[in-house]
Amino acid sequence: MALPTTDLREVGTVQALVQLLRTRSYEEIRQRMYDNPPGSAWWTACKTELDVRNGEQMAAALSAMSRVLERLRASTEHFEQLADTLYHTTTEISDQLKTTKDSARRLEVAVYVAIGITLVQLFNLVFEVFRRR
């Protein structure tokens, strides 16, 4: 289906206006868009240029988001490894504390036995001293 000649001229005009708007600021493009009625060549060119710029910004943002997500994934893996190491270290420390607690209990029993033997020897010594008198 062929486009009418006026449509071709209007498309050419819009393309030329888009090229002209390439160097303009967002504010100027928006102002021109609001100053012209919807559907006019200027309005269409402004809308097209804004859509192109927004698309470029969206692509840049998606690219940056992809890099950030990759870093987050790597950080998450690193934190998982750290958490695993922390878990194993905590388990080892817990085992050491349990062993230390058992050793402390044995030492406590040994001290009670030593105190008991010392008391028995003391009573025996006192008994021997009073028996000789």
N, C-alpha and C. Protein backbone atom coordinates (compact mmCIF):
# COMPACT_ATOMS: atom_id res chain seq x y z
N MET A 1 0.85 -1.16 0.00
CA MET A 1 0.00 0.00 0.00
C MET A 1 0.91 1.24 0.00
N ALA A 2 0.73 2.07 -0.95
CA ALA A 2 1.57 3.26 -1.11
C ALA A 2 1.05 4.40 -0.25
N LEU A 3 1.99 5.16 0.27
CA LEU A 3 1.62 6.32 1.07
C LEU A 3 1.36 7.49 0.14
N PRO A 4 0.38 8.30 0.48
CA PRO A 4 0.15 9.49 -0.34
C PRO A 4 1.34 10.43 -0.27
N THR A 5 1.46 11.28 -1.23
CA THR A 5 2.58 12.20 -1.34
C THR A 5 2.67 13.13 -0.12
N THR A 6 1.53 13.58 0.36
CA THR A 6 1.55 14.47 1.52
C THR A 6 2.07 13.74 2.76
N ASP A 7 1.74 12.46 2.89
CA ASP A 7 2.26 11.69 4.03
C ASP A 7 3.77 11.53 3.93
N LEU A 8 4.28 11.31 2.72
CA LEU A 8 5.73 11.19 2.53
C LEU A 8 6.43 12.49 2.89
N ARG A 9 5.85 13.60 2.45
CA ARG A 9 6.44 14.89 2.78
C ARG A 9 6.41 15.14 4.29
N GLU A 10 5.30 14.76 4.92
CA GLU A 10 5.18 14.96 6.36
C GLU A 10 6.19 14.08 7.11
N VAL A 11 6.38 12.84 6.66
CA VAL A 11 7.37 11.95 7.29
C VAL A 11 8.76 12.54 7.12
N GLY A 12 9.08 13.04 5.94
CA GLY A 12 10.37 13.68 5.70
C GLY A 12 10.55 14.90 6.57
N THR A 13 9.49 15.67 6.74
CA THR A 13 9.55 16.85 7.60
C THR A 13 9.79 16.45 9.05
N VAL A 14 9.06 15.43 9.50
CA VAL A 14 9.22 14.96 10.88
C VAL A 14 10.64 14.47 11.10
N GLN A 15 11.18 13.71 10.13
CA GLN A 15 12.56 13.21 10.27
C GLN A 15 13.56 14.37 10.33
N ALA A 16 13.35 15.36 9.51
CA ALA A 16 14.24 16.53 9.53
C ALA A 16 14.14 17.27 10.86
N LEU A 17 12.93 17.39 11.37
CA LEU A 17 12.75 18.06 12.67
C LEU A 17 13.38 17.25 13.81
N VAL A 18 13.26 15.93 13.70
CA VAL A 18 13.89 15.07 14.73
C VAL A 18 15.39 15.30 14.71
N GLN A 19 15.99 15.37 13.54
CA GLN A 19 17.43 15.63 13.45
C GLN A 19 17.77 17.00 14.03
N LEU A 20 16.91 17.97 13.81
CA LEU A 20 17.13 19.31 14.36
C LEU A 20 17.04 19.29 15.89
N LEU A 21 16.14 18.46 16.41
CA LEU A 21 15.93 18.41 17.86
C LEU A 21 17.01 17.61 18.59
N ARG A 22 17.83 16.89 17.86
CA ARG A 22 18.87 16.06 18.47
C ARG A 22 19.79 16.85 19.41
N THR A 23 20.05 18.09 19.07
CA THR A 23 20.99 18.89 19.86
C THR A 23 20.29 19.75 20.91
N ARG A 24 18.98 19.67 21.00
CA ARG A 24 18.22 20.52 21.91
C ARG A 24 18.06 19.86 23.27
N SER A 25 17.77 20.65 24.27
CA SER A 25 17.60 20.14 25.63
C SER A 25 16.19 19.55 25.79
N TYR A 26 16.04 18.76 26.84
CA TYR A 26 14.73 18.19 27.14
C TYR A 26 13.68 19.28 27.33
N GLU A 27 14.06 20.30 28.06
CA GLU A 27 13.11 21.36 28.36
C GLU A 27 12.62 22.06 27.08
N GLU A 28 13.57 22.32 26.20
CA GLU A 28 13.19 22.99 24.94
C GLU A 28 12.30 22.09 24.10
N ILE A 29 12.62 20.81 24.05
CA ILE A 29 11.80 19.89 23.25
C ILE A 29 10.40 19.80 23.85
N ARG A 30 10.31 19.67 25.18
CA ARG A 30 8.99 19.60 25.82
C ARG A 30 8.19 20.88 25.57
N GLN A 31 8.85 22.01 25.66
CA GLN A 31 8.16 23.27 25.44
C GLN A 31 7.62 23.35 24.01
N ARG A 32 8.45 22.95 23.05
CA ARG A 32 7.98 22.96 21.65
C ARG A 32 6.81 22.00 21.46
N MET A 33 6.89 20.84 22.16
CA MET A 33 5.83 19.85 22.04
C MET A 33 4.51 20.43 22.58
N TYR A 34 4.58 21.10 23.74
CA TYR A 34 3.38 21.66 24.34
C TYR A 34 2.86 22.88 23.57
N ASP A 35 3.76 23.55 22.87
CA ASP A 35 3.35 24.73 22.10
C ASP A 35 2.63 24.36 20.80
N ASN A 36 2.79 23.11 20.33
CA ASN A 36 2.19 22.69 19.07
C ASN A 36 1.06 21.71 19.33
N PRO A 37 0.07 21.72 18.48
CA PRO A 37 -1.08 20.83 18.70
C PRO A 37 -0.68 19.37 18.43
N PRO A 38 -1.29 18.44 19.18
CA PRO A 38 -0.99 17.02 18.94
C PRO A 38 -1.29 16.64 17.49
N GLY A 39 -0.39 15.84 16.93
CA GLY A 39 -0.55 15.40 15.54
C GLY A 39 0.19 16.26 14.55
N SER A 40 0.64 17.46 14.97
CA SER A 40 1.38 18.31 14.04
C SER A 40 2.78 17.75 13.85
N ALA A 41 3.49 18.23 12.85
CA ALA A 41 4.83 17.73 12.55
C ALA A 41 5.78 18.01 13.72
N TRP A 42 5.69 19.23 14.28
CA TRP A 42 6.56 19.56 15.41
C TRP A 42 6.27 18.66 16.61
N TRP A 43 4.97 18.49 16.91
CA TRP A 43 4.58 17.66 18.05
C TRP A 43 5.08 16.23 17.86
N THR A 44 4.90 15.68 16.66
CA THR A 44 5.33 14.31 16.36
C THR A 44 6.85 14.19 16.46
N ALA A 45 7.58 15.18 15.95
CA ALA A 45 9.04 15.15 16.01
C ALA A 45 9.51 15.23 17.46
N CYS A 46 8.89 16.10 18.24
CA CYS A 46 9.26 16.21 19.65
C CYS A 46 8.97 14.92 20.38
N LYS A 47 7.80 14.35 20.15
CA LYS A 47 7.42 13.09 20.79
C LYS A 47 8.39 11.99 20.40
N THR A 48 8.75 11.92 19.13
CA THR A 48 9.69 10.90 18.65
C THR A 48 11.06 11.07 19.31
N GLU A 49 11.55 12.30 19.37
CA GLU A 49 12.86 12.55 19.97
C GLU A 49 12.85 12.21 21.46
N LEU A 50 11.78 12.59 22.16
CA LEU A 50 11.69 12.25 23.58
C LEU A 50 11.62 10.74 23.78
N ASP A 51 10.88 10.05 22.93
CA ASP A 51 10.80 8.59 23.02
C ASP A 51 12.16 7.94 22.78
N VAL A 52 12.91 8.47 21.80
CA VAL A 52 14.24 7.94 21.51
C VAL A 52 15.16 8.16 22.70
N ARG A 53 15.16 9.37 23.24
CA ARG A 53 16.02 9.66 24.40
C ARG A 53 15.63 8.81 25.61
N ASN A 54 14.34 8.67 25.84
CA ASN A 54 13.90 7.84 26.95
C ASN A 54 14.32 6.37 26.75
N GLY A 55 14.23 5.92 25.52
CA GLY A 55 14.67 4.55 25.21
C GLY A 55 16.16 4.37 25.46
N GLU A 56 16.96 5.38 25.05
CA GLU A 56 18.41 5.32 25.28
C GLU A 56 18.71 5.31 26.78
N GLN A 57 18.00 6.15 27.53
CA GLN A 57 18.22 6.18 28.98
C GLN A 57 17.79 4.86 29.62
N MET A 58 16.71 4.29 29.12
CA MET A 58 16.24 3.01 29.65
C MET A 58 17.26 1.92 29.37
N ALA A 59 17.83 1.92 28.17
CA ALA A 59 18.86 0.93 27.83
C ALA A 59 20.09 1.09 28.72
N ALA A 60 20.51 2.32 28.95
CA ALA A 60 21.66 2.57 29.82
C ALA A 60 21.35 2.13 31.25
N ALA A 61 20.14 2.41 31.70
CA ALA A 61 19.75 2.01 33.06
C ALA A 61 19.70 0.50 33.19
N LEU A 62 19.18 -0.17 32.18
CA LEU A 62 19.13 -1.64 32.21
C LEU A 62 20.53 -2.23 32.22
N SER A 63 21.43 -1.64 31.46
CA SER A 63 22.80 -2.11 31.44
C SER A 63 23.46 -1.93 32.80
N ALA A 64 23.25 -0.76 33.39
CA ALA A 64 23.80 -0.50 34.73
C ALA A 64 23.17 -1.44 35.76
N MET A 65 21.87 -1.68 35.63
CA MET A 65 21.18 -2.59 36.55
C MET A 65 21.73 -4.00 36.41
N SER A 66 22.03 -4.39 35.21
CA SER A 66 22.60 -5.72 34.99
C SER A 66 23.95 -5.85 35.69
N ARG A 67 24.78 -4.83 35.57
CA ARG A 67 26.08 -4.86 36.25
C ARG A 67 25.90 -4.90 37.76
N VAL A 68 24.96 -4.12 38.28
CA VAL A 68 24.71 -4.11 39.72
C VAL A 68 24.20 -5.47 40.18
N LEU A 69 23.31 -6.05 39.41
CA LEU A 69 22.78 -7.37 39.78
C LEU A 69 23.88 -8.43 39.78
N GLU A 70 24.79 -8.32 38.83
CA GLU A 70 25.92 -9.27 38.80
C GLU A 70 26.78 -9.11 40.04
N ARG A 71 27.03 -7.87 40.42
CA ARG A 71 27.81 -7.62 41.65
C ARG A 71 27.06 -8.13 42.88
N LEU A 72 25.75 -7.91 42.91
CA LEU A 72 24.95 -8.41 44.03
C LEU A 72 24.99 -9.93 44.11
N ARG A 73 24.93 -10.58 42.95
CA ARG A 73 25.00 -12.04 42.93
C ARG A 73 26.35 -12.52 43.47
N ALA A 74 27.42 -11.88 43.03
CA ALA A 74 28.75 -12.25 43.52
C ALA A 74 28.86 -11.98 45.02
N SER A 75 28.33 -10.86 45.48
CA SER A 75 28.36 -10.54 46.90
C SER A 75 27.54 -11.55 47.70
N THR A 76 26.40 -11.94 47.17
CA THR A 76 25.56 -12.93 47.85
C THR A 76 26.28 -14.26 47.97
N GLU A 77 26.94 -14.69 46.91
CA GLU A 77 27.71 -15.93 46.97
C GLU A 77 28.82 -15.81 48.01
N HIS A 78 29.49 -14.66 48.03
CA HIS A 78 30.56 -14.46 49.00
C HIS A 78 30.01 -14.51 50.43
N PHE A 79 28.87 -13.85 50.66
CA PHE A 79 28.26 -13.87 51.99
C PHE A 79 27.82 -15.29 52.37
N GLU A 80 27.34 -16.06 51.40
CA GLU A 80 26.98 -17.45 51.68
C GLU A 80 28.20 -18.25 52.10
N GLN A 81 29.32 -18.02 51.43
CA GLN A 81 30.55 -18.71 51.81
C GLN A 81 30.99 -18.28 53.21
N LEU A 82 30.90 -16.98 53.49
CA LEU A 82 31.26 -16.49 54.82
C LEU A 82 30.34 -17.07 55.90
N ALA A 83 29.05 -17.16 55.59
CA ALA A 83 28.10 -17.73 56.55
C ALA A 83 28.41 -19.20 56.80
N ASP A 84 28.76 -19.91 55.74
CA ASP A 84 29.11 -21.33 55.88
C ASP A 84 30.37 -21.49 56.73
N THR A 85 31.37 -20.66 56.46
CA THR A 85 32.60 -20.69 57.26
C THR A 85 32.31 -20.35 58.72
N LEU A 86 31.47 -19.34 58.93
CA LEU A 86 31.10 -18.95 60.29
C LEU A 86 30.38 -20.09 61.00
N TYR A 87 29.50 -20.78 60.29
CA TYR A 87 28.77 -21.91 60.88
C TYR A 87 29.74 -23.00 61.30
N HIS A 88 30.67 -23.36 60.42
CA HIS A 88 31.64 -24.41 60.74
C HIS A 88 32.54 -23.99 61.90
N THR A 89 32.98 -22.74 61.89
CA THR A 89 33.83 -22.25 62.98
C THR A 89 33.07 -22.25 64.30
N THR A 90 31.83 -21.82 64.27
CA THR A 90 31.01 -21.81 65.48
C THR A 90 30.81 -23.24 66.00
N THR A 91 30.60 -24.18 65.10
CA THR A 91 30.45 -25.58 65.50
C THR A 91 31.74 -26.09 66.15
N GLU A 92 32.87 -25.76 65.56
CA GLU A 92 34.16 -26.18 66.13
C GLU A 92 34.37 -25.56 67.52
N ILE A 93 34.05 -24.28 67.66
CA ILE A 93 34.20 -23.61 68.95
C ILE A 93 33.26 -24.25 69.97
N SER A 94 32.05 -24.58 69.56
CA SER A 94 31.10 -25.23 70.46
C SER A 94 31.63 -26.58 70.92
N ASP A 95 32.22 -27.34 69.98
CA ASP A 95 32.82 -28.63 70.36
C ASP A 95 33.98 -28.42 71.32
N GLN A 96 34.80 -27.41 71.07
CA GLN A 96 35.92 -27.12 71.97
C GLN A 96 35.41 -26.73 73.35
N LEU A 97 34.36 -25.93 73.40
CA LEU A 97 33.80 -25.54 74.70
C LEU A 97 33.23 -26.75 75.44
N LYS A 98 32.61 -27.64 74.71
CA LYS A 98 32.09 -28.85 75.34
C LYS A 98 33.22 -29.69 75.91
N THR A 99 34.31 -29.83 75.14
CA THR A 99 35.48 -30.57 75.61
C THR A 99 36.09 -29.87 76.82
N THR A 100 36.17 -28.55 76.77
CA THR A 100 36.71 -27.78 77.89
C THR A 100 35.83 -27.95 79.13
N LYS A 101 34.53 -27.95 78.93
CA LYS A 101 33.60 -28.14 80.05
C LYS A 101 33.81 -29.51 80.69
N ASP A 102 33.96 -30.55 79.87
CA ASP A 102 34.21 -31.89 80.39
C ASP A 102 35.54 -31.94 81.15
N SER A 103 36.56 -31.31 80.58
CA SER A 103 37.87 -31.27 81.24
C SER A 103 37.78 -30.51 82.56
N ALA A 104 37.04 -29.44 82.59
CA ALA A 104 36.88 -28.65 83.82
C ALA A 104 36.17 -29.49 84.88
N ARG A 105 35.20 -30.27 84.46
CA ARG A 105 34.49 -31.14 85.41
C ARG A 105 35.44 -32.19 85.99
N ARG A 106 36.27 -32.78 85.15
CA ARG A 106 37.25 -33.76 85.63
C ARG A 106 38.25 -33.10 86.58
N LEU A 107 38.68 -31.89 86.24
CA LEU A 107 39.62 -31.17 87.10
C LEU A 107 38.97 -30.85 88.44
N GLU A 108 37.71 -30.48 88.42
CA GLU A 108 36.97 -30.19 89.65
C GLU A 108 36.92 -31.43 90.54
N VAL A 109 36.65 -32.59 89.97
CA VAL A 109 36.62 -33.84 90.73
C VAL A 109 38.00 -34.13 91.30
N ALA A 110 39.04 -33.92 90.47
CA ALA A 110 40.40 -34.17 90.94
C ALA A 110 40.77 -33.26 92.11
N VAL A 111 40.35 -31.99 92.06
CA VAL A 111 40.62 -31.06 93.16
C VAL A 111 39.89 -31.52 94.41
N TYR A 112 38.62 -31.96 94.29
CA TYR A 112 37.89 -32.46 95.46
C TYR A 112 38.58 -33.68 96.06
N VAL A 113 39.08 -34.56 95.22
CA VAL A 113 39.78 -35.76 95.69
C VAL A 113 41.05 -35.33 96.42
N ALA A 114 41.80 -34.38 95.83
CA ALA A 114 43.04 -33.92 96.46
C ALA A 114 42.74 -33.27 97.81
N ILE A 115 41.68 -32.46 97.88
CA ILE A 115 41.30 -31.84 99.16
C ILE A 115 40.90 -32.91 100.16
N GLY A 116 40.16 -33.90 99.69
CA GLY A 116 39.75 -34.99 100.58
C GLY A 116 40.93 -35.74 101.13
N ILE A 117 41.89 -36.09 100.25
CA ILE A 117 43.09 -36.81 100.69
C ILE A 117 43.89 -35.95 101.66
N THR A 118 44.00 -34.67 101.39
CA THR A 118 44.73 -33.76 102.28
C THR A 118 44.06 -33.71 103.65
N LEU A 119 42.75 -33.63 103.70
CA LEU A 119 42.04 -33.62 104.98
C LEU A 119 42.24 -34.92 105.75
N VAL A 120 42.16 -36.04 105.04
CA VAL A 120 42.37 -37.34 105.68
C VAL A 120 43.78 -37.40 106.26
N GLN A 121 44.77 -36.95 105.50
CA GLN A 121 46.15 -36.97 105.98
C GLN A 121 46.30 -36.04 107.18
N LEU A 122 45.63 -34.87 107.15
CA LEU A 122 45.70 -33.95 108.26
C LEU A 122 45.09 -34.56 109.52
N PHE A 123 43.91 -35.18 109.38
CA PHE A 123 43.28 -35.84 110.52
C PHE A 123 44.15 -36.99 111.04
N ASN A 124 44.76 -37.71 110.11
CA ASN A 124 45.65 -38.80 110.51
C ASN A 124 46.84 -38.25 111.27
N LEU A 125 47.41 -37.17 110.82
CA LEU A 125 48.55 -36.54 111.50
C LEU A 125 48.14 -36.06 112.90
N VAL A 126 46.99 -35.41 112.99
CA VAL A 126 46.49 -34.93 114.28
C VAL A 126 46.24 -36.12 115.20
N PHE A 127 45.66 -37.15 114.68
CA PHE A 127 45.39 -38.35 115.48
C PHE A 127 46.69 -38.95 116.00
N GLU A 128 47.71 -39.02 115.16
CA GLU A 128 49.02 -39.57 115.57
C GLU A 128 49.66 -38.69 116.64
N VAL A 129 49.55 -37.39 116.50
CA VAL A 129 50.15 -36.47 117.47
C VAL A 129 49.45 -36.65 118.82
N PHE A 130 48.14 -36.71 118.87
CA PHE A 130 47.43 -36.86 120.13
C PHE A 130 47.57 -38.27 120.70
N ARG A 131 47.81 -39.25 119.87
CA ARG A 131 47.98 -40.61 120.35
C ARG A 131 49.31 -40.75 121.07
N ARG A 132 50.35 -40.07 120.67
CA ARG A 132 51.66 -40.15 121.30
C ARG A 132 51.68 -39.36 122.60
N ARG A 133 50.88 -38.50 122.85
CA ARG A 133 50.87 -37.71 124.08
C ARG A 133 50.11 -38.40 125.10
